[in-house]
PDB file of N, CA and C in Angstrom:
ATOM      1  N   PRO A   1       8.173  18.599  22.261  1.00  0.00           N
ATOM      2  CA  PRO A   1       7.617  18.241  20.959  1.00  0.00           C
ATOM      3  C   PRO A   1       8.376  17.115  20.255  1.00  0.00           C
ATOM      4  N   ASN A   2       9.556  16.780  20.736  1.00  0.00           N
ATOM      5  CA  ASN A   2      10.354  15.737  20.071  1.00  0.00           C
ATOM      6  C   ASN A   2      10.341  14.416  20.825  1.00  0.00           C
ATOM      7  N   VAL A   3       9.331  14.187  21.635  1.00  0.00           N
ATOM      8  CA  VAL A   3       9.219  12.917  22.341  1.00  0.00           C
ATOM      9  C   VAL A   3       8.106  12.101  21.704  1.00  0.00           C
ATOM     10  N   GLY A   4       8.093  10.832  21.974  1.00  0.00           N
ATOM     11  CA  GLY A   4       7.070   9.951  21.431  1.00  0.00           C
ATOM     12  C   GLY A   4       7.694   8.652  20.967  1.00  0.00           C
ATOM     13  N   ALA A   5       6.851   7.713  20.648  1.00  0.00           N
ATOM     14  CA  ALA A   5       7.322   6.378  20.287  1.00  0.00           C
ATOM     15  C   ALA A   5       8.160   6.392  19.008  1.00  0.00           C
ATOM     16  N   ILE A   6       7.728   7.145  18.005  1.00  0.00           N
ATOM     17  CA  ILE A   6       8.468   7.166  16.736  1.00  0.00           C
ATOM     18  C   ILE A   6       9.819   7.823  16.925  1.00  0.00           C
ATOM     19  N   ASN A   7       9.855   8.951  17.620  1.00  0.00           N
ATOM     20  CA  ASN A   7      11.130   9.626  17.836  1.00  0.00           C
ATOM     21  C   ASN A   7      12.076   8.796  18.692  1.00  0.00           C
ATOM     22  N   GLU A   8      11.558   8.115  19.703  1.00  0.00           N
ATOM     23  CA  GLU A   8      12.414   7.257  20.525  1.00  0.00           C
ATOM     24  C   GLU A   8      12.961   6.082  19.720  1.00  0.00           C
ATOM     25  N   ALA A   9      12.126   5.518  18.822  1.00  0.00           N
ATOM     26  CA  ALA A   9      12.598   4.422  17.969  1.00  0.00           C
ATOM     27  C   ALA A   9      13.671   4.919  17.014  1.00  0.00           C
ATOM     28  N   LEU A  10      13.503   6.113  16.481  1.00  0.00           N
ATOM     29  CA  LEU A  10      14.524   6.683  15.596  1.00  0.00           C
ATOM     30  C   LEU A  10      15.828   6.932  16.340  1.00  0.00           C
ATOM     31  N   ARG A  11      15.728   7.410  17.558  1.00  0.00           N
ATOM     32  CA  ARG A  11      16.951   7.620  18.353  1.00  0.00           C
ATOM     33  C   ARG A  11      17.618   6.294  18.678  1.00  0.00           C
ATOM     34  N   PHE A  12      16.822   5.270  18.959  1.00  0.00           N
ATOM     35  CA  PHE A  12      17.382   3.949  19.251  1.00  0.00           C
ATOM     36  C   PHE A  12      18.146   3.400  18.048  1.00  0.00           C
ATOM     37  N   LEU A  13      17.649   3.705  16.846  1.00  0.00           N
ATOM     38  CA  LEU A  13      18.296   3.255  15.615  1.00  0.00           C
ATOM     39  C   LEU A  13      19.388   4.220  15.146  1.00  0.00           C
ATOM     40  N   HIS A  14      19.743   5.190  16.008  1.00  0.00           N
ATOM     41  CA  HIS A  14      20.775   6.190  15.707  1.00  0.00           C
ATOM     42  C   HIS A  14      20.416   7.025  14.484  1.00  0.00           C
ATOM     43  N   LEU A  15      19.139   7.340  14.345  1.00  0.00           N
ATOM     44  CA  LEU A  15      18.650   8.207  13.280  1.00  0.00           C
ATOM     45  C   LEU A  15      18.077   9.482  13.894  1.00  0.00           C
ATOM     46  N   ASP A  16      18.858  10.104  14.785  1.00  0.00           N
ATOM     47  CA  ASP A  16      18.394  11.282  15.510  1.00  0.00           C
ATOM     48  C   ASP A  16      17.976  12.423  14.581  1.00  0.00           C
ATOM     49  N   PHE A  17      18.606  12.512  13.435  1.00  0.00           N
ATOM     50  CA  PHE A  17      18.313  13.618  12.525  1.00  0.00           C
ATOM     51  C   PHE A  17      16.899  13.533  11.948  1.00  0.00           C
ATOM     52  N   LEU A  18      16.247  12.373  12.046  1.00  0.00           N
ATOM     53  CA  LEU A  18      14.877  12.227  11.550  1.00  0.00           C
ATOM     54  C   LEU A  18      13.823  12.528  12.613  1.00  0.00           C
ATOM     55  N   ALA A  19      14.230  12.605  13.879  1.00  0.00           N
ATOM     56  CA  ALA A  19      13.282  12.889  14.963  1.00  0.00           C
ATOM     57  C   ALA A  19      12.832  14.340  14.870  1.00  0.00           C
ATOM     58  N   GLN A  20      11.527  14.550  14.936  1.00  0.00           N
ATOM     59  CA  GLN A  20      10.977  15.899  14.830  1.00  0.00           C
ATOM     60  C   GLN A  20       9.601  15.948  15.461  1.00  0.00           C
ATOM     61  N   SER A  21       9.018  17.108  15.450  1.00  0.00           N
ATOM     62  CA  SER A  21       7.663  17.286  15.955  1.00  0.00           C
ATOM     63  C   SER A  21       6.695  16.935  14.826  1.00  0.00           C
ATOM     64  N   TRP A  22       6.174  15.728  14.843  1.00  0.00           N
ATOM     65  CA  TRP A  22       5.387  15.211  13.726  1.00  0.00           C
ATOM     66  C   TRP A  22       4.075  15.941  13.538  1.00  0.00           C
ATOM     67  N   LEU A  23       3.428  16.329  14.608  1.00  0.00           N
ATOM     68  CA  LEU A  23       2.147  17.030  14.492  1.00  0.00           C
ATOM     69  C   LEU A  23       2.288  18.537  14.674  1.00  0.00           C
ATOM     70  N   GLY A  24       3.469  18.996  15.086  1.00  0.00           N
ATOM     71  CA  GLY A  24       3.686  20.419  15.301  1.00  0.00           C
ATOM     72  C   GLY A  24       4.200  21.149  14.079  1.00  0.00           C
ATOM     73  N   ASP A  25       4.760  20.432  13.125  1.00  0.00           N
ATOM     74  CA  ASP A  25       5.282  21.045  11.907  1.00  0.00           C
ATOM     75  C   ASP A  25       4.165  21.124  10.877  1.00  0.00           C
ATOM     76  N   PRO A  26       3.778  22.341  10.448  1.00  0.00           N
ATOM     77  CA  PRO A  26       2.653  22.441   9.508  1.00  0.00           C
ATOM     78  C   PRO A  26       2.920  21.812   8.146  1.00  0.00           C
ATOM     79  N   HIS A  27       4.176  21.575   7.805  1.00  0.00           N
ATOM     80  CA  HIS A  27       4.487  20.980   6.507  1.00  0.00           C
ATOM     81  C   HIS A  27       4.244  19.473   6.471  1.00  0.00           C
ATOM     82  N   ILE A  28       4.296  18.819   7.631  1.00  0.00           N
ATOM     83  CA  ILE A  28       4.117  17.359   7.646  1.00  0.00           C
ATOM     84  C   ILE A  28       2.968  16.893   8.522  1.00  0.00           C
ATOM     85  N   ALA A  29       2.268  17.801   9.178  1.00  0.00           N
ATOM     86  CA  ALA A  29       1.192  17.408  10.097  1.00  0.00           C
ATOM     87  C   ALA A  29       0.076  16.662   9.369  1.00  0.00           C
ATOM     88  N   LEU A  30      -0.335  17.147   8.204  1.00  0.00           N
ATOM     89  CA  LEU A  30      -1.408  16.485   7.463  1.00  0.00           C
ATOM     90  C   LEU A  30      -0.983  15.087   7.032  1.00  0.00           C
ATOM     91  N   TYR A  31       0.263  14.934   6.586  1.00  0.00           N
ATOM     92  CA  TYR A  31       0.764  13.617   6.188  1.00  0.00           C
ATOM     93  C   TYR A  31       0.832  12.667   7.382  1.00  0.00           C
ATOM     94  N   SER A  32       1.196  13.193   8.537  1.00  0.00           N
ATOM     95  CA  SER A  32       1.245  12.367   9.755  1.00  0.00           C
ATOM     96  C   SER A  32      -0.144  11.878  10.141  1.00  0.00           C
ATOM     97  N   ILE A  33      -1.118  12.755  10.067  1.00  0.00           N
ATOM     98  CA  ILE A  33      -2.487  12.370  10.403  1.00  0.00           C
ATOM     99  C   ILE A  33      -3.021  11.359   9.398  1.00  0.00           C
ATOM    100  N   CYS A  34      -2.711  11.542   8.111  1.00  0.00           N
ATOM    101  CA  CYS A  34      -3.143  10.584   7.087  1.00  0.00           C
ATOM    102  C   CYS A  34      -2.526   9.213   7.336  1.00  0.00           C
ATOM    103  N   ALA A  35      -1.237   9.174   7.675  1.00  0.00           N
ATOM    104  CA  ALA A  35      -0.565   7.897   7.950  1.00  0.00           C
ATOM    105  C   ALA A  35      -1.184   7.207   9.162  1.00  0.00           C
ATOM    106  N   ILE A  36      -1.487   7.962  10.196  1.00  0.00           N
ATOM    107  CA  ILE A  36      -2.122   7.388  11.390  1.00  0.00           C
ATOM    108  C   ILE A  36      -3.491   6.826  11.050  1.00  0.00           C
ATOM    109  N   ASN A  37      -4.268   7.551  10.260  1.00  0.00           N
ATOM    110  CA  ASN A  37      -5.607   7.104   9.873  1.00  0.00           C
ATOM    111  C   ASN A  37      -5.542   5.837   9.029  1.00  0.00           C
ATOM    112  N   ILE A  38      -4.603   5.779   8.109  1.00  0.00           N
ATOM    113  CA  ILE A  38      -4.444   4.577   7.279  1.00  0.00           C
ATOM    114  C   ILE A  38      -4.097   3.380   8.147  1.00  0.00           C
ATOM    115  N   LEU A  39      -3.150   3.552   9.054  1.00  0.00           N
ATOM    116  CA  LEU A  39      -2.762   2.439   9.929  1.00  0.00           C
ATOM    117  C   LEU A  39      -3.888   2.032  10.870  1.00  0.00           C
ATOM    118  N   GLU A  40      -4.695   2.997  11.279  1.00  0.00           N
ATOM    119  CA  GLU A  40      -5.807   2.699  12.183  1.00  0.00           C
ATOM    120  C   GLU A  40      -6.849   1.810  11.520  1.00  0.00           C
ATOM    121  N   TRP A  41      -7.163   2.048  10.249  1.00  0.00           N
ATOM    122  CA  TRP A  41      -8.229   1.331   9.568  1.00  0.00           C
ATOM    123  C   TRP A  41      -7.742   0.177   8.713  1.00  0.00           C
ATOM    124  N   MET A  42      -6.444  -0.040   8.620  1.00  0.00           N
ATOM    125  CA  MET A  42      -5.928  -1.091   7.753  1.00  0.00           C
ATOM    126  C   MET A  42      -6.359  -2.485   8.220  1.00  0.00           C
ATOM    127  N   GLY A  43      -6.348  -2.740   9.496  1.00  0.00           N
ATOM    128  CA  GLY A  43      -6.747  -4.046  10.017  1.00  0.00           C
ATOM    129  C   GLY A  43      -8.196  -4.377   9.691  1.00  0.00           C
ATOM    130  N   PHE A  44      -9.075  -3.415   9.892  1.00  0.00           N
ATOM    131  CA  PHE A  44     -10.490  -3.615   9.577  1.00  0.00           C
ATOM    132  C   PHE A  44     -10.671  -3.914   8.092  1.00  0.00           C
ATOM    133  N   SER A  45      -9.993  -3.147   7.250  1.00  0.00           N
ATOM    134  CA  SER A  45     -10.102  -3.356   5.801  1.00  0.00           C
ATOM    135  C   SER A  45      -9.589  -4.722   5.396  1.00  0.00           C
ATOM    136  N   MET A  46      -8.494  -5.158   5.996  1.00  0.00           N
ATOM    137  CA  MET A  46      -7.940  -6.475   5.674  1.00  0.00           C
ATOM    138  C   MET A  46      -8.924  -7.586   6.040  1.00  0.00           C
ATOM    139  N   ILE A  47      -9.581  -7.449   7.165  1.00  0.00           N
ATOM    140  CA  ILE A  47     -10.548  -8.474   7.579  1.00  0.00           C
ATOM    141  C   ILE A  47     -11.734  -8.508   6.618  1.00  0.00           C
ATOM    142  N   ILE A  48     -12.199  -7.341   6.198  1.00  0.00           N
ATOM    143  CA  ILE A  48     -13.325  -7.283   5.259  1.00  0.00           C
ATOM    144  C   ILE A  48     -12.917  -7.880   3.917  1.00  0.00           C
ATOM    145  N   TYR A  49     -11.704  -7.554   3.418  1.00  0.00           N
ATOM    146  CA  TYR A  49     -11.229  -8.139   2.162  1.00  0.00           C
ATOM    147  C   TYR A  49     -11.037  -9.645   2.289  1.00  0.00           C
ATOM    148  N   TYR A  50     -10.568 -10.086   3.443  1.00  0.00           N
ATOM    149  CA  TYR A  50     -10.406 -11.533   3.652  1.00  0.00           C
ATOM    150  C   TYR A  50     -11.763 -12.234   3.590  1.00  0.00           C
ATOM    151  N   ALA A  51     -12.763 -11.642   4.211  1.00  0.00           N
ATOM    152  CA  ALA A  51     -14.112 -12.224   4.146  1.00  0.00           C
ATOM    153  C   ALA A  51     -14.621 -12.225   2.704  1.00  0.00           C
ATOM    154  N   GLY A  52     -14.329 -11.171   1.957  1.00  0.00           N
ATOM    155  CA  GLY A  52     -14.722 -11.128   0.554  1.00  0.00           C
ATOM    156  C   GLY A  52     -14.026 -12.201  -0.263  1.00  0.00           C
ATOM    157  N   LEU A  53     -12.750 -12.430  -0.003  1.00  0.00           N
ATOM    158  CA  LEU A  53     -12.015 -13.490  -0.708  1.00  0.00           C
ATOM    159  C   LEU A  53     -12.562 -14.869  -0.372  1.00  0.00           C
ATOM    160  N   MET A  54     -12.952 -15.065   0.879  1.00  0.00           N
ATOM    161  CA  MET A  54     -13.491 -16.361   1.276  1.00  0.00           C
ATOM    162  C   MET A  54     -14.884 -16.599   0.693  1.00  0.00           C
ATOM    163  N   SER A  55     -15.567 -15.532   0.286  1.00  0.00           N
ATOM    164  CA  SER A  55     -16.909 -15.709  -0.272  1.00  0.00           C
ATOM    165  C   SER A  55     -16.881 -16.064  -1.761  1.00  0.00           C
ATOM    166  N   ILE A  56     -15.730 -15.953  -2.409  1.00  0.00           N
ATOM    167  CA  ILE A  56     -15.625 -16.332  -3.823  1.00  0.00           C
ATOM    168  C   ILE A  56     -15.519 -17.853  -3.897  1.00  0.00           C
ATOM    169  N   SER A  57     -16.374 -18.456  -4.673  1.00  0.00           N
ATOM    170  CA  SER A  57     -16.445 -19.916  -4.746  1.00  0.00           C
ATOM    171  C   SER A  57     -15.183 -20.505  -5.375  1.00  0.00           C
ATOM    172  N   ASP A  58     -14.744 -21.623  -4.831  1.00  0.00           N
ATOM    173  CA  ASP A  58     -13.591 -22.334  -5.395  1.00  0.00           C
ATOM    174  C   ASP A  58     -13.894 -22.888  -6.779  1.00  0.00           C
ATOM    175  N   ASP A  59     -15.171 -23.115  -7.063  1.00  0.00           N
ATOM    176  CA  ASP A  59     -15.556 -23.629  -8.380  1.00  0.00           C
ATOM    177  C   ASP A  59     -15.160 -22.655  -9.496  1.00  0.00           C
ATOM    178  N   ILE A  60     -15.259 -21.373  -9.220  1.00  0.00           N
ATOM    179  CA  ILE A  60     -14.893 -20.374 -10.221  1.00  0.00           C
ATOM    180  C   ILE A  60     -13.403 -20.465 -10.522  1.00  0.00           C
ATOM    181  N   TYR A  61     -12.585 -20.578  -9.484  1.00  0.00           N
ATOM    182  CA  TYR A  61     -11.138 -20.686  -9.678  1.00  0.00           C
ATOM    183  C   TYR A  61     -10.769 -21.988 -10.387  1.00  0.00           C
ATOM    184  N   GLU A  62     -11.480 -23.054 -10.028  1.00  0.00           N
ATOM    185  CA  GLU A  62     -11.215 -24.339 -10.671  1.00  0.00           C
ATOM    186  C   GLU A  62     -11.568 -24.293 -12.164  1.00  0.00           C
ATOM    187  N   ALA A  63     -12.685 -23.667 -12.493  1.00  0.00           N
ATOM    188  CA  ALA A  63     -13.073 -23.542 -13.901  1.00  0.00           C
ATOM    189  C   ALA A  63     -12.062 -22.687 -14.670  1.00  0.00           C
ATOM    190  N   ALA A  64     -11.559 -21.648 -14.040  1.00  0.00           N
ATOM    191  CA  ALA A  64     -10.558 -20.804 -14.694  1.00  0.00           C
ATOM    192  C   ALA A  64      -9.259 -21.575 -14.911  1.00  0.00           C
ATOM    193  N   LYS A  65      -8.892 -22.402 -13.950  1.00  0.00           N
ATOM    194  CA  LYS A  65      -7.672 -23.195 -14.093  1.00  0.00           C
ATOM    195  C   LYS A  65      -7.820 -24.215 -15.224  1.00  0.00           C
ATOM    196  N   ILE A  66      -8.992 -24.819 -15.327  1.00  0.00           N
ATOM    197  CA  ILE A  66      -9.247 -25.779 -16.407  1.00  0.00           C
ATOM    198  C   ILE A  66      -9.207 -25.072 -17.760  1.00  0.00           C
ATOM    199  N   ASP A  67      -9.707 -23.842 -17.817  1.00  0.00           N
ATOM    200  CA  ASP A  67      -9.701 -23.071 -19.063  1.00  0.00           C
ATOM    201  C   ASP A  67      -8.324 -22.533 -19.423  1.00  0.00           C
ATOM    202  N   GLY A  68      -7.359 -22.687 -18.525  1.00  0.00           N
ATOM    203  CA  GLY A  68      -5.992 -22.279 -18.819  1.00  0.00           C
ATOM    204  C   GLY A  68      -5.629 -20.884 -18.365  1.00  0.00           C
ATOM    205  N   CYS A  69      -6.401 -20.295 -17.481  1.00  0.00           N
ATOM    206  CA  CYS A  69      -6.079 -18.965 -16.970  1.00  0.00           C
ATOM    207  C   CYS A  69      -4.862 -19.042 -16.056  1.00  0.00           C
ATOM    208  N   GLY A  70      -3.973 -18.103 -16.225  1.00  0.00           N
ATOM    209  CA  GLY A  70      -2.823 -17.995 -15.344  1.00  0.00           C
ATOM    210  C   GLY A  70      -3.165 -17.142 -14.133  1.00  0.00           C
ATOM    211  N   PHE A  71      -2.141 -16.834 -13.365  1.00  0.00           N
ATOM    212  CA  PHE A  71      -2.340 -16.072 -12.139  1.00  0.00           C
ATOM    213  C   PHE A  71      -2.913 -14.685 -12.429  1.00  0.00           C
ATOM    214  N   TRP A  72      -2.312 -13.969 -13.377  1.00  0.00           N
ATOM    215  CA  TRP A  72      -2.719 -12.591 -13.648  1.00  0.00           C
ATOM    216  C   TRP A  72      -4.124 -12.518 -14.241  1.00  0.00           C
ATOM    217  N   ASN A  73      -4.453 -13.437 -15.151  1.00  0.00           N
ATOM    218  CA  ASN A  73      -5.818 -13.458 -15.690  1.00  0.00           C
ATOM    219  C   ASN A  73      -6.827 -13.765 -14.600  1.00  0.00           C
ATOM    220  N   THR A  74      -6.491 -14.696 -13.730  1.00  0.00           N
ATOM    221  CA  THR A  74      -7.383 -15.033 -12.621  1.00  0.00           C
ATOM    222  C   THR A  74      -7.560 -13.836 -11.694  1.00  0.00           C
ATOM    223  N   LEU A  75      -6.472 -13.134 -11.439  1.00  0.00           N
ATOM    224  CA  LEU A  75      -6.544 -11.973 -10.550  1.00  0.00           C
ATOM    225  C   LEU A  75      -7.421 -10.872 -11.142  1.00  0.00           C
ATOM    226  N   PHE A  76      -7.156 -10.515 -12.413  1.00  0.00           N
ATOM    227  CA  PHE A  76      -7.842  -9.373 -13.005  1.00  0.00           C
ATOM    228  C   PHE A  76      -9.224  -9.691 -13.566  1.00  0.00           C
ATOM    229  N   ARG A  77      -9.518 -10.958 -13.829  1.00  0.00           N
ATOM    230  CA  ARG A  77     -10.812 -11.290 -14.414  1.00  0.00           C
ATOM    231  C   ARG A  77     -11.768 -11.992 -13.449  1.00  0.00           C
ATOM    232  N   ILE A  78     -11.241 -12.479 -12.331  1.00  0.00           N
ATOM    233  CA  ILE A  78     -12.106 -13.168 -11.374  1.00  0.00           C
ATOM    234  C   ILE A  78     -12.057 -12.504  -9.999  1.00  0.00           C
ATOM    235  N   THR A  79     -10.877 -12.412  -9.423  1.00  0.00           N
ATOM    236  CA  THR A  79     -10.767 -11.958  -8.042  1.00  0.00           C
ATOM    237  C   THR A  79     -11.175 -10.498  -7.878  1.00  0.00           C
ATOM    238  N   ILE A  80     -10.558  -9.603  -8.622  1.00  0.00           N
ATOM    239  CA  ILE A  80     -10.843  -8.176  -8.462  1.00  0.00           C
ATOM    240  C   ILE A  80     -12.295  -7.840  -8.815  1.00  0.00           C
ATOM    241  N   PRO A  81     -12.860  -8.352  -9.924  1.00  0.00           N
ATOM    242  CA  PRO A  81     -14.279  -8.048 -10.171  1.00  0.00           C
ATOM    243  C   PRO A  81     -15.218  -8.584  -9.086  1.00  0.00           C
ATOM    244  N   ASN A  82     -14.901  -9.740  -8.528  1.00  0.00           N
ATOM    245  CA  ASN A  82     -15.758 -10.279  -7.467  1.00  0.00           C
ATOM    246  C   ASN A  82     -15.589  -9.542  -6.140  1.00  0.00           C
ATOM    247  N   LEU A  83     -14.517  -8.781  -6.001  1.00  0.00           N
ATOM    248  CA  LEU A  83     -14.325  -7.991  -4.786  1.00  0.00           C
ATOM    249  C   LEU A  83     -14.808  -6.544  -4.940  1.00  0.00           C
ATOM    250  N   SER A  84     -15.465  -6.242  -6.044  1.00  0.00           N
ATOM    251  CA  SER A  84     -15.911  -4.861  -6.266  1.00  0.00           C
ATOM    252  C   SER A  84     -16.956  -4.444  -5.227  1.00  0.00           C
ATOM    253  N   GLY A  85     -17.829  -5.330  -4.817  1.00  0.00           N
ATOM    254  CA  GLY A  85     -18.789  -5.007  -3.779  1.00  0.00           C
ATOM    255  C   GLY A  85     -18.123  -4.736  -2.446  1.00  0.00           C
ATOM    256  N   THR A  86     -17.101  -5.501  -2.134  1.00  0.00           N
ATOM    257  CA  THR A  86     -16.341  -5.284  -0.909  1.00  0.00           C
ATOM    258  C   THR A  86     -15.638  -3.944  -0.963  1.00  0.00           C
ATOM    259  N   THR A  87     -15.045  -3.627  -2.100  1.00  0.00           N
ATOM    260  CA  THR A  87     -14.360  -2.348  -2.243  1.00  0.00           C
ATOM    261  C   THR A  87     -15.350  -1.189  -2.113  1.00  0.00           C
ATOM    262  N   ASN A  88     -16.514  -1.319  -2.713  1.00  0.00           N
ATOM    263  CA  ASN A  88     -17.536  -0.271  -2.589  1.00  0.00           C
ATOM    264  C   ASN A  88     -17.987  -0.102  -1.146  1.00  0.00           C
ATOM    265  N   THR A  89     -18.103  -1.199  -0.430  1.00  0.00           N
ATOM    266  CA  THR A  89     -18.488  -1.129   0.981  1.00  0.00           C
ATOM    267  C   THR A  89     -17.431  -0.390   1.787  1.00  0.00           C
ATOM    268  N   LEU A  90     -16.160  -0.686   1.535  1.00  0.00           N
ATOM    269  CA  LEU A  90     -15.103  -0.039   2.291  1.00  0.00           C
ATOM    270  C   LEU A  90     -14.957   1.441   1.938  1.00  0.00           C
ATOM    271  N   ILE A  91     -15.205   1.752   0.680  1.00  0.00           N
ATOM    272  CA  ILE A  91     -15.109   3.176   0.297  1.00  0.00           C
ATOM    273  C   ILE A  91     -16.255   3.953   0.918  1.00  0.00           C
TER     274      ILE A  91
END
């Protein structure tokens, strides 16, 4: 139960005390499965968000820059609202 890529990497880094049965311990099994699922789908989500970012017109950003919007205003008033459809699709 203490073999696997993560445990071997921990032993290589001299962190033997962290090596354990990740899916055999009922206290951490659910967290291990959640972490695996997140890592499994992260690449797909990043590609979808990248496509969503590329679909936002540069004219909108240029108009915001002319109006004096800074980074945070641009992020919260242009980028995130325009990615709401992408976020809904991923959810």
